[in-house]
């Protein structure tokens, strides 16, 4: 039996079927706290093309019945002029885009999110192709925990900034500490 097989019943979209859910794979390639460099700006490894399927499934998954997120005909009658994604959709986009490479510490086993600031400018819409730009902005130690903050900018194919956010994560600071979660 493969790991996480019990979750297969919840997988409904093409992106979900392609998404690697086992964050323990390639754990030796994750950036750890000691390696994180503050300042460089990098583009995430993957772009995210927003589909109607993605928007509707996200709305269903978080149990939000708002017709702006799941009823195309209704959404056309609103000032939005069509379907838009739920305001928290960027979480889904973020994990999809940061599969490998810079800022992949967000996927490290043992990381937790004690807070974030999110600025939402424009809703995600079907057809948007989202590029995620990442900048590690700060890291510190407090009460024995190692924290890192980054700035994430989500822009569409026209360069329109959709979301800017600053998540903070407490992450394992060494590979040996990550190993605790693998044993």
N, C-alpha and C. Protein backbone atom coordinates (compact mmCIF):
# COMPACT_ATOMS: atom_id res chain seq x y z
N UNK A 1 0.84 -1.19 0.00
CA UNK A 1 0.00 0.00 0.00
C UNK A 1 0.88 1.24 0.00
N UNK A 2 0.63 2.14 -0.93
CA UNK A 2 1.45 3.34 -0.99
C UNK A 2 1.05 4.32 0.12
N UNK A 3 2.04 5.11 0.53
CA UNK A 3 1.82 6.11 1.56
C UNK A 3 0.75 7.10 1.09
N UNK A 4 -0.13 7.49 1.96
CA UNK A 4 -1.18 8.48 1.69
C UNK A 4 -2.29 7.96 0.77
N UNK A 5 -2.34 6.66 0.50
CA UNK A 5 -3.36 6.10 -0.38
C UNK A 5 -4.77 6.39 0.14
N UNK A 6 -4.91 6.48 1.45
CA UNK A 6 -6.23 6.74 2.04
C UNK A 6 -6.78 8.12 1.65
N UNK A 7 -5.92 9.00 1.14
CA UNK A 7 -6.37 10.34 0.73
C UNK A 7 -6.83 10.38 -0.73
N UNK A 8 -6.60 9.30 -1.47
CA UNK A 8 -6.91 9.29 -2.90
C UNK A 8 -8.37 9.65 -3.20
N UNK A 9 -9.28 9.32 -2.30
CA UNK A 9 -10.69 9.61 -2.54
C UNK A 9 -10.98 11.11 -2.61
N UNK A 10 -10.06 11.93 -2.11
CA UNK A 10 -10.25 13.38 -2.13
C UNK A 10 -9.59 14.05 -3.34
N UNK A 11 -8.87 13.30 -4.12
CA UNK A 11 -8.15 13.85 -5.26
C UNK A 11 -9.10 13.92 -6.45
N UNK A 12 -9.35 15.13 -6.94
CA UNK A 12 -10.36 15.29 -7.98
C UNK A 12 -9.86 16.03 -9.21
N UNK A 13 -8.86 16.89 -9.08
CA UNK A 13 -8.44 17.71 -10.21
C UNK A 13 -7.15 17.17 -10.83
N UNK A 14 -6.89 17.60 -12.04
CA UNK A 14 -5.66 17.19 -12.74
C UNK A 14 -4.43 17.60 -11.94
N UNK A 15 -4.40 18.82 -11.43
CA UNK A 15 -3.24 19.28 -10.65
C UNK A 15 -3.05 18.44 -9.39
N UNK A 16 -4.14 18.08 -8.76
CA UNK A 16 -4.04 17.26 -7.55
C UNK A 16 -3.47 15.88 -7.88
N UNK A 17 -3.87 15.32 -9.01
CA UNK A 17 -3.35 14.00 -9.39
C UNK A 17 -1.85 14.07 -9.68
N UNK A 18 -1.39 15.20 -10.20
CA UNK A 18 0.03 15.36 -10.54
C UNK A 18 0.87 15.79 -9.35
N UNK A 19 0.25 16.30 -8.31
CA UNK A 19 0.96 16.88 -7.17
C UNK A 19 1.54 15.79 -6.27
N UNK A 20 2.82 15.91 -5.94
CA UNK A 20 3.45 14.96 -5.03
C UNK A 20 3.06 15.31 -3.60
N UNK A 21 2.31 14.42 -2.97
CA UNK A 21 1.82 14.67 -1.62
C UNK A 21 2.78 14.18 -0.55
N UNK A 22 3.76 13.41 -0.92
CA UNK A 22 4.70 12.89 0.06
C UNK A 22 5.85 13.89 0.22
N UNK A 23 5.74 14.76 1.21
CA UNK A 23 6.75 15.79 1.43
C UNK A 23 8.04 15.22 2.01
N UNK A 24 8.06 13.91 2.30
CA UNK A 24 9.28 13.28 2.80
C UNK A 24 10.23 12.90 1.66
N UNK A 25 9.72 12.83 0.43
CA UNK A 25 10.60 12.55 -0.70
C UNK A 25 11.54 13.73 -0.91
N UNK A 26 12.75 13.45 -1.30
CA UNK A 26 13.74 14.50 -1.59
C UNK A 26 13.97 15.43 -0.42
N UNK A 27 13.73 14.96 0.80
CA UNK A 27 13.88 15.82 1.98
C UNK A 27 15.31 16.34 2.11
N UNK A 28 16.26 15.58 1.58
CA UNK A 28 17.66 16.02 1.66
C UNK A 28 17.94 17.22 0.76
N UNK A 29 16.99 17.57 -0.11
CA UNK A 29 17.17 18.72 -1.00
C UNK A 29 16.45 19.98 -0.50
N UNK A 30 15.75 19.88 0.62
CA UNK A 30 15.07 21.06 1.16
C UNK A 30 16.08 22.05 1.71
N UNK A 31 15.76 23.33 1.56
CA UNK A 31 16.56 24.37 2.21
C UNK A 31 16.31 24.29 3.71
N UNK A 32 17.35 24.30 4.49
CA UNK A 32 17.17 24.32 5.94
C UNK A 32 17.52 25.72 6.44
N UNK A 33 17.14 26.01 7.66
CA UNK A 33 17.28 27.34 8.23
C UNK A 33 18.70 27.87 8.09
N UNK A 34 19.67 27.02 8.36
CA UNK A 34 21.07 27.46 8.31
C UNK A 34 21.51 27.86 6.90
N UNK A 35 20.82 27.37 5.86
CA UNK A 35 21.20 27.65 4.48
C UNK A 35 20.43 28.81 3.86
N UNK A 36 19.40 29.27 4.50
CA UNK A 36 18.53 30.30 3.91
C UNK A 36 19.27 31.62 3.84
N UNK A 37 19.30 32.19 2.64
CA UNK A 37 19.96 33.47 2.41
C UNK A 37 18.89 34.56 2.28
N UNK A 38 19.08 35.64 3.03
CA UNK A 38 18.12 36.75 3.02
C UNK A 38 18.42 37.67 1.83
N UNK A 39 17.38 38.03 1.07
CA UNK A 39 17.52 39.04 0.05
C UNK A 39 17.34 38.63 -1.39
N UNK A 40 17.93 37.53 -1.87
CA UNK A 40 17.78 37.21 -3.29
C UNK A 40 16.32 36.97 -3.67
N UNK A 41 15.96 37.43 -4.86
CA UNK A 41 14.61 37.24 -5.39
C UNK A 41 14.67 36.08 -6.39
N UNK A 42 13.76 35.14 -6.23
CA UNK A 42 13.73 33.97 -7.11
C UNK A 42 12.31 33.68 -7.56
N UNK A 43 12.21 33.08 -8.72
CA UNK A 43 10.91 32.64 -9.23
C UNK A 43 10.72 31.18 -8.86
N UNK A 44 9.53 30.83 -8.42
CA UNK A 44 9.23 29.44 -8.05
C UNK A 44 9.37 28.53 -9.27
N UNK A 45 9.61 27.26 -9.01
CA UNK A 45 9.88 26.29 -10.07
C UNK A 45 8.71 26.11 -11.03
N UNK A 46 7.48 26.20 -10.54
CA UNK A 46 6.30 25.94 -11.37
C UNK A 46 5.42 27.18 -11.50
N UNK A 47 4.77 27.30 -12.66
CA UNK A 47 3.71 28.29 -12.84
C UNK A 47 2.38 27.57 -12.60
N UNK A 48 1.36 28.34 -12.27
CA UNK A 48 0.04 27.76 -11.96
C UNK A 48 -0.98 28.35 -12.92
N UNK A 49 -1.53 27.52 -13.81
CA UNK A 49 -2.61 27.98 -14.68
C UNK A 49 -3.94 27.70 -13.98
N UNK A 50 -4.67 28.76 -13.68
CA UNK A 50 -5.93 28.66 -12.94
C UNK A 50 -7.01 28.13 -13.88
N UNK A 51 -7.69 27.09 -13.44
CA UNK A 51 -8.80 26.53 -14.23
C UNK A 51 -10.10 26.63 -13.43
N UNK A 52 -11.20 26.52 -14.14
CA UNK A 52 -12.51 26.48 -13.48
C UNK A 52 -12.54 25.31 -12.51
N UNK A 53 -11.99 24.18 -12.92
CA UNK A 53 -11.94 22.99 -12.07
C UNK A 53 -11.23 23.29 -10.75
N UNK A 54 -10.09 23.98 -10.82
CA UNK A 54 -9.34 24.32 -9.60
C UNK A 54 -10.17 25.19 -8.66
N UNK A 55 -10.80 26.21 -9.22
CA UNK A 55 -11.57 27.16 -8.41
C UNK A 55 -12.75 26.46 -7.74
N UNK A 56 -13.50 25.69 -8.52
CA UNK A 56 -14.67 25.01 -7.97
C UNK A 56 -14.28 23.98 -6.91
N UNK A 57 -13.22 23.22 -7.17
CA UNK A 57 -12.85 22.20 -6.20
C UNK A 57 -12.34 22.82 -4.91
N UNK A 58 -11.57 23.92 -5.01
CA UNK A 58 -11.09 24.57 -3.79
C UNK A 58 -12.27 25.03 -2.95
N UNK A 59 -13.26 25.64 -3.59
CA UNK A 59 -14.46 26.09 -2.89
C UNK A 59 -15.16 24.92 -2.21
N UNK A 60 -15.27 23.82 -2.92
CA UNK A 60 -15.91 22.63 -2.35
C UNK A 60 -15.09 22.08 -1.18
N UNK A 61 -13.77 22.04 -1.35
CA UNK A 61 -12.89 21.46 -0.32
C UNK A 61 -12.95 22.23 0.99
N UNK A 62 -13.13 23.55 0.91
CA UNK A 62 -13.18 24.34 2.14
C UNK A 62 -14.62 24.61 2.60
N UNK A 63 -15.55 23.95 1.92
CA UNK A 63 -16.98 24.01 2.28
C UNK A 63 -17.54 25.42 2.21
N UNK A 64 -17.11 26.18 1.19
CA UNK A 64 -17.65 27.53 1.00
C UNK A 64 -18.65 27.50 -0.15
N UNK A 65 -19.94 27.67 0.14
CA UNK A 65 -20.97 27.57 -0.90
C UNK A 65 -21.18 28.86 -1.71
N UNK A 66 -20.37 29.88 -1.50
CA UNK A 66 -20.55 31.15 -2.21
C UNK A 66 -20.58 30.90 -3.72
N UNK A 67 -21.67 31.28 -4.40
CA UNK A 67 -21.77 31.00 -5.83
C UNK A 67 -20.74 31.74 -6.69
N UNK A 68 -20.11 32.77 -6.17
CA UNK A 68 -19.03 33.43 -6.92
C UNK A 68 -17.88 32.46 -7.20
N UNK A 69 -17.76 31.45 -6.34
CA UNK A 69 -16.65 30.51 -6.45
C UNK A 69 -17.02 29.20 -7.13
N UNK A 70 -18.31 28.96 -7.37
CA UNK A 70 -18.68 27.65 -7.91
C UNK A 70 -19.85 27.63 -8.89
N UNK A 71 -20.47 28.76 -9.15
CA UNK A 71 -21.61 28.81 -10.07
C UNK A 71 -21.30 29.82 -11.17
N UNK A 72 -20.85 29.30 -12.32
CA UNK A 72 -20.41 30.18 -13.41
C UNK A 72 -21.52 31.10 -13.91
N UNK A 73 -22.72 30.58 -14.04
CA UNK A 73 -23.83 31.39 -14.55
C UNK A 73 -24.16 32.53 -13.58
N UNK A 74 -24.24 32.22 -12.31
CA UNK A 74 -24.49 33.27 -11.32
C UNK A 74 -23.37 34.30 -11.33
N UNK A 75 -22.13 33.83 -11.33
CA UNK A 75 -20.98 34.74 -11.26
C UNK A 75 -20.97 35.73 -12.42
N UNK A 76 -21.47 35.33 -13.59
CA UNK A 76 -21.53 36.23 -14.75
C UNK A 76 -22.45 37.42 -14.49
N UNK A 77 -23.43 37.26 -13.61
CA UNK A 77 -24.40 38.33 -13.35
C UNK A 77 -23.91 39.33 -12.30
N UNK A 78 -22.76 39.10 -11.71
CA UNK A 78 -22.24 39.97 -10.66
C UNK A 78 -21.27 41.00 -11.25
N UNK A 79 -20.86 41.96 -10.43
CA UNK A 79 -19.91 42.96 -10.93
C UNK A 79 -18.55 42.35 -11.26
N UNK A 80 -18.30 41.10 -10.83
CA UNK A 80 -17.04 40.42 -11.17
C UNK A 80 -17.08 39.92 -12.60
N UNK A 81 -18.29 39.70 -13.14
CA UNK A 81 -18.42 39.29 -14.53
C UNK A 81 -18.07 37.84 -14.81
N UNK A 82 -17.79 37.07 -13.80
CA UNK A 82 -17.46 35.66 -13.99
C UNK A 82 -16.92 35.06 -12.71
N UNK A 83 -16.62 33.79 -12.81
CA UNK A 83 -16.13 33.03 -11.67
C UNK A 83 -14.81 33.61 -11.16
N UNK A 84 -14.68 33.69 -9.83
CA UNK A 84 -13.42 34.08 -9.21
C UNK A 84 -13.07 33.04 -8.15
N UNK A 85 -11.79 33.00 -7.79
CA UNK A 85 -11.35 32.05 -6.77
C UNK A 85 -11.56 32.62 -5.37
N UNK A 86 -11.74 31.71 -4.42
CA UNK A 86 -11.84 32.08 -3.01
C UNK A 86 -10.59 32.88 -2.62
N UNK A 87 -10.71 33.86 -1.73
CA UNK A 87 -9.55 34.68 -1.34
C UNK A 87 -8.36 33.88 -0.80
N UNK A 88 -8.59 32.70 -0.23
CA UNK A 88 -7.48 31.91 0.31
C UNK A 88 -6.90 30.92 -0.71
N UNK A 89 -7.33 31.00 -1.94
CA UNK A 89 -6.86 30.12 -3.01
C UNK A 89 -5.34 30.17 -3.17
N UNK A 90 -4.74 31.28 -2.80
CA UNK A 90 -3.29 31.43 -2.97
C UNK A 90 -2.50 30.37 -2.21
N UNK A 91 -3.06 29.81 -1.13
CA UNK A 91 -2.36 28.74 -0.40
C UNK A 91 -2.13 27.54 -1.32
N UNK A 92 -3.16 27.17 -2.05
CA UNK A 92 -3.09 26.07 -3.02
C UNK A 92 -2.05 26.38 -4.09
N UNK A 93 -2.09 27.60 -4.62
CA UNK A 93 -1.15 28.02 -5.66
C UNK A 93 0.28 27.95 -5.14
N UNK A 94 0.49 28.44 -3.94
CA UNK A 94 1.83 28.49 -3.34
C UNK A 94 2.47 27.10 -3.24
N UNK A 95 1.75 26.15 -2.67
CA UNK A 95 2.32 24.80 -2.52
C UNK A 95 2.58 24.15 -3.87
N UNK A 96 1.73 24.41 -4.84
CA UNK A 96 1.93 23.85 -6.17
C UNK A 96 3.19 24.43 -6.82
N UNK A 97 3.38 25.73 -6.70
CA UNK A 97 4.50 26.40 -7.36
C UNK A 97 5.85 26.06 -6.73
N UNK A 98 5.88 25.88 -5.41
CA UNK A 98 7.15 25.67 -4.70
C UNK A 98 7.39 24.18 -4.49
N UNK A 99 7.39 23.44 -5.55
CA UNK A 99 7.63 22.00 -5.41
C UNK A 99 9.09 21.74 -5.07
N UNK A 100 9.96 22.37 -5.81
CA UNK A 100 11.39 22.19 -5.60
C UNK A 100 12.07 23.56 -5.70
N UNK A 101 13.28 23.63 -5.17
CA UNK A 101 14.08 24.83 -5.34
C UNK A 101 13.93 25.82 -4.20
N UNK A 102 14.16 27.07 -4.52
CA UNK A 102 14.21 28.17 -3.56
C UNK A 102 12.94 28.22 -2.71
N UNK A 103 13.10 28.46 -1.44
CA UNK A 103 12.01 28.59 -0.46
C UNK A 103 11.21 27.31 -0.28
N UNK A 104 11.77 26.18 -0.65
CA UNK A 104 11.02 24.94 -0.46
C UNK A 104 10.96 24.51 0.99
N UNK A 105 11.57 25.28 1.88
CA UNK A 105 11.46 25.02 3.32
C UNK A 105 10.01 25.08 3.77
N UNK A 106 9.14 25.66 2.96
CA UNK A 106 7.72 25.71 3.31
C UNK A 106 7.10 24.32 3.34
N UNK A 107 7.77 23.35 2.71
CA UNK A 107 7.25 21.98 2.64
C UNK A 107 7.96 21.05 3.62
N UNK A 108 8.91 21.55 4.39
CA UNK A 108 9.71 20.70 5.27
C UNK A 108 8.85 20.03 6.33
N UNK A 109 8.98 18.71 6.48
CA UNK A 109 8.32 18.05 7.60
C UNK A 109 8.78 18.67 8.92
N UNK A 110 7.84 19.01 9.77
CA UNK A 110 8.16 19.62 11.06
C UNK A 110 8.00 21.13 11.07
N UNK A 111 7.77 21.74 9.90
CA UNK A 111 7.56 23.19 9.85
C UNK A 111 6.14 23.50 10.33
N UNK A 112 5.98 24.64 10.97
CA UNK A 112 4.63 25.09 11.29
C UNK A 112 4.54 26.59 11.10
N UNK A 113 3.31 27.06 10.86
CA UNK A 113 3.06 28.44 10.50
C UNK A 113 2.40 29.17 11.67
N UNK A 114 3.17 30.00 12.39
CA UNK A 114 2.58 30.73 13.51
C UNK A 114 1.90 32.04 13.09
N UNK A 115 2.02 32.42 11.82
CA UNK A 115 1.36 33.65 11.40
C UNK A 115 1.76 34.09 10.02
N UNK A 116 0.98 35.04 9.49
CA UNK A 116 1.25 35.58 8.16
C UNK A 116 0.45 36.85 7.97
N UNK A 117 0.90 37.64 7.02
CA UNK A 117 0.17 38.82 6.58
C UNK A 117 -0.10 38.62 5.09
N UNK A 118 -1.34 38.82 4.68
CA UNK A 118 -1.73 38.61 3.29
C UNK A 118 -2.41 39.87 2.76
N UNK A 119 -1.90 40.41 1.67
CA UNK A 119 -2.54 41.53 0.98
C UNK A 119 -3.12 41.00 -0.33
N UNK A 120 -4.44 41.11 -0.48
CA UNK A 120 -5.12 40.62 -1.67
C UNK A 120 -5.50 41.82 -2.53
N UNK A 121 -5.07 41.81 -3.80
CA UNK A 121 -5.30 42.94 -4.69
C UNK A 121 -6.34 42.64 -5.77
N UNK A 122 -6.23 41.49 -6.39
CA UNK A 122 -7.13 41.09 -7.47
C UNK A 122 -7.45 39.61 -7.30
N UNK A 123 -8.68 39.19 -7.60
CA UNK A 123 -8.99 37.76 -7.48
C UNK A 123 -8.34 36.95 -8.61
N UNK A 124 -8.07 35.70 -8.32
CA UNK A 124 -7.62 34.78 -9.35
C UNK A 124 -8.83 34.40 -10.19
N UNK A 125 -8.61 34.29 -11.52
CA UNK A 125 -9.70 33.97 -12.44
C UNK A 125 -9.27 32.83 -13.36
N UNK A 126 -10.25 32.11 -13.91
CA UNK A 126 -9.89 31.06 -14.87
C UNK A 126 -9.07 31.66 -16.02
N UNK A 127 -8.02 30.96 -16.40
CA UNK A 127 -7.15 31.43 -17.47
C UNK A 127 -5.92 32.17 -16.99
N UNK A 128 -5.92 32.65 -15.76
CA UNK A 128 -4.72 33.30 -15.22
C UNK A 128 -3.58 32.29 -15.17
N UNK A 129 -2.41 32.74 -15.56
CA UNK A 129 -1.20 31.93 -15.40
C UNK A 129 -0.36 32.66 -14.35
N UNK A 130 -0.24 32.04 -13.18
CA UNK A 130 0.37 32.70 -12.03
C UNK A 130 1.84 32.34 -11.90
N UNK A 131 2.64 33.38 -11.75
CA UNK A 131 4.06 33.24 -11.43
C UNK A 131 4.23 33.66 -9.99
N UNK A 132 4.94 32.87 -9.23
CA UNK A 132 5.20 33.16 -7.82
C UNK A 132 6.66 33.56 -7.67
N UNK A 133 6.87 34.77 -7.16
CA UNK A 133 8.21 35.27 -6.89
C UNK A 133 8.43 35.26 -5.38
N UNK A 134 9.60 34.78 -4.97
CA UNK A 134 9.89 34.54 -3.55
C UNK A 134 11.15 35.28 -3.13
N UNK A 135 11.08 35.89 -1.95
CA UNK A 135 12.24 36.54 -1.35
C UNK A 135 12.26 36.22 0.13
N UNK A 136 13.30 35.55 0.60
CA UNK A 136 13.44 35.36 2.05
C UNK A 136 13.81 36.71 2.63
N UNK A 137 13.01 37.20 3.58
CA UNK A 137 13.18 38.57 4.08
C UNK A 137 13.76 38.65 5.48
N UNK A 138 13.65 37.58 6.27
CA UNK A 138 14.17 37.64 7.64
C UNK A 138 14.24 36.23 8.21
N UNK A 139 15.15 36.03 9.15
CA UNK A 139 15.18 34.79 9.92
C UNK A 139 15.72 35.12 11.30
N UNK A 140 15.19 34.41 12.30
CA UNK A 140 15.57 34.70 13.67
C UNK A 140 15.31 33.48 14.55
N UNK A 141 15.87 33.53 15.75
CA UNK A 141 15.65 32.49 16.75
C UNK A 141 14.95 33.13 17.94
N UNK A 142 13.88 32.49 18.39
CA UNK A 142 13.14 32.98 19.55
C UNK A 142 12.65 31.78 20.35
N UNK A 143 12.96 31.77 21.63
CA UNK A 143 12.57 30.67 22.53
C UNK A 143 13.01 29.31 21.98
N UNK A 144 14.18 29.30 21.38
CA UNK A 144 14.75 28.06 20.88
C UNK A 144 14.21 27.58 19.54
N UNK A 145 13.27 28.32 18.95
CA UNK A 145 12.72 27.95 17.65
C UNK A 145 13.33 28.82 16.56
N UNK A 146 13.49 28.25 15.38
CA UNK A 146 14.10 28.93 14.24
C UNK A 146 13.00 29.36 13.28
N UNK A 147 12.89 30.66 13.07
CA UNK A 147 11.83 31.23 12.23
C UNK A 147 12.42 31.80 10.95
N UNK A 148 11.60 31.78 9.91
CA UNK A 148 11.96 32.41 8.65
C UNK A 148 10.70 33.06 8.08
N UNK A 149 10.91 34.22 7.45
CA UNK A 149 9.80 34.92 6.79
C UNK A 149 10.21 35.16 5.35
N UNK A 150 9.24 35.04 4.46
CA UNK A 150 9.54 35.38 3.07
C UNK A 150 8.40 36.22 2.52
N UNK A 151 8.71 36.93 1.46
CA UNK A 151 7.68 37.67 0.73
C UNK A 151 7.34 36.85 -0.50
N UNK A 152 6.06 36.65 -0.72
CA UNK A 152 5.58 35.94 -1.90
C UNK A 152 4.73 36.90 -2.73
N UNK A 153 5.09 37.06 -3.98
CA UNK A 153 4.31 37.88 -4.91
C UNK A 153 3.71 36.97 -5.98
N UNK A 154 2.39 37.01 -6.11
CA UNK A 154 1.67 36.22 -7.09
C UNK A 154 1.24 37.17 -8.21
N UNK A 155 1.80 37.01 -9.40
CA UNK A 155 1.44 37.88 -10.53
C UNK A 155 0.88 37.02 -11.67
N UNK A 156 0.00 37.65 -12.45
CA UNK A 156 -0.58 36.91 -13.57
C UNK A 156 0.26 37.12 -14.83
N UNK A 157 -0.22 36.55 -15.93
CA UNK A 157 0.50 36.59 -17.20
C UNK A 157 0.67 38.01 -17.74
N UNK A 158 -0.10 38.96 -17.24
CA UNK A 158 0.02 40.36 -17.66
C UNK A 158 0.84 41.20 -16.69
N UNK A 159 1.42 40.56 -15.69
CA UNK A 159 2.22 41.27 -14.70
C UNK A 159 1.40 41.92 -13.60
N UNK A 160 0.10 41.61 -13.52
CA UNK A 160 -0.77 42.18 -12.49
C UNK A 160 -0.52 41.44 -11.17
N UNK A 161 -0.20 42.21 -10.13
CA UNK A 161 0.00 41.63 -8.80
C UNK A 161 -1.35 41.25 -8.22
N UNK A 162 -1.53 39.97 -7.95
CA UNK A 162 -2.79 39.46 -7.41
C UNK A 162 -2.75 39.41 -5.88
N UNK A 163 -1.65 38.90 -5.35
CA UNK A 163 -1.50 38.73 -3.90
C UNK A 163 -0.04 38.98 -3.53
N UNK A 164 0.16 39.64 -2.43
CA UNK A 164 1.49 39.74 -1.80
C UNK A 164 1.29 39.28 -0.37
N UNK A 165 2.16 38.36 0.06
CA UNK A 165 2.01 37.84 1.42
C UNK A 165 3.37 37.63 2.05
N UNK A 166 3.35 37.59 3.39
CA UNK A 166 4.56 37.38 4.17
C UNK A 166 4.30 36.28 5.20
N UNK A 167 4.41 35.01 4.79
CA UNK A 167 4.24 33.94 5.78
C UNK A 167 5.48 33.82 6.66
N UNK A 168 5.26 33.41 7.89
CA UNK A 168 6.33 33.12 8.84
C UNK A 168 6.22 31.64 9.18
N UNK A 169 7.33 30.95 9.11
CA UNK A 169 7.34 29.54 9.50
C UNK A 169 8.44 29.29 10.51
N UNK A 170 8.15 28.40 11.42
CA UNK A 170 9.18 27.84 12.29
C UNK A 170 9.61 26.54 11.61
N UNK A 171 10.90 26.42 11.33
CA UNK A 171 11.38 25.27 10.57
C UNK A 171 12.51 24.56 11.30
N UNK A 172 12.69 23.26 11.04
CA UNK A 172 13.86 22.57 11.58
C UNK A 172 15.12 23.27 11.06
N UNK A 173 16.09 23.44 11.93
CA UNK A 173 17.27 24.22 11.53
C UNK A 173 18.43 23.39 11.02
N UNK A 174 18.36 22.07 11.17
CA UNK A 174 19.42 21.20 10.66
C UNK A 174 18.79 19.98 10.00
N UNK A 175 19.56 19.29 9.20
CA UNK A 175 19.08 18.05 8.57
C UNK A 175 18.82 16.98 9.64
N UNK A 176 19.64 17.00 10.69
CA UNK A 176 19.44 16.03 11.78
C UNK A 176 18.08 16.24 12.44
N UNK A 177 17.66 17.50 12.58
CA UNK A 177 16.36 17.77 13.19
C UNK A 177 15.22 17.30 12.29
N UNK A 178 15.38 17.47 10.98
CA UNK A 178 14.37 16.97 10.04
C UNK A 178 14.25 15.45 10.16
N UNK A 179 15.36 14.79 10.37
CA UNK A 179 15.39 13.33 10.45
C UNK A 179 14.44 12.80 11.53
N UNK A 180 14.23 13.58 12.59
CA UNK A 180 13.31 13.15 13.66
C UNK A 180 11.91 12.87 13.11
N UNK A 181 11.51 13.61 12.09
CA UNK A 181 10.17 13.45 11.52
C UNK A 181 10.11 12.29 10.53
N UNK A 182 11.25 11.79 10.13
CA UNK A 182 11.30 10.70 9.16
C UNK A 182 11.37 9.33 9.82
N UNK A 183 11.79 9.30 11.07
CA UNK A 183 11.96 8.02 11.78
C UNK A 183 10.65 7.51 12.35
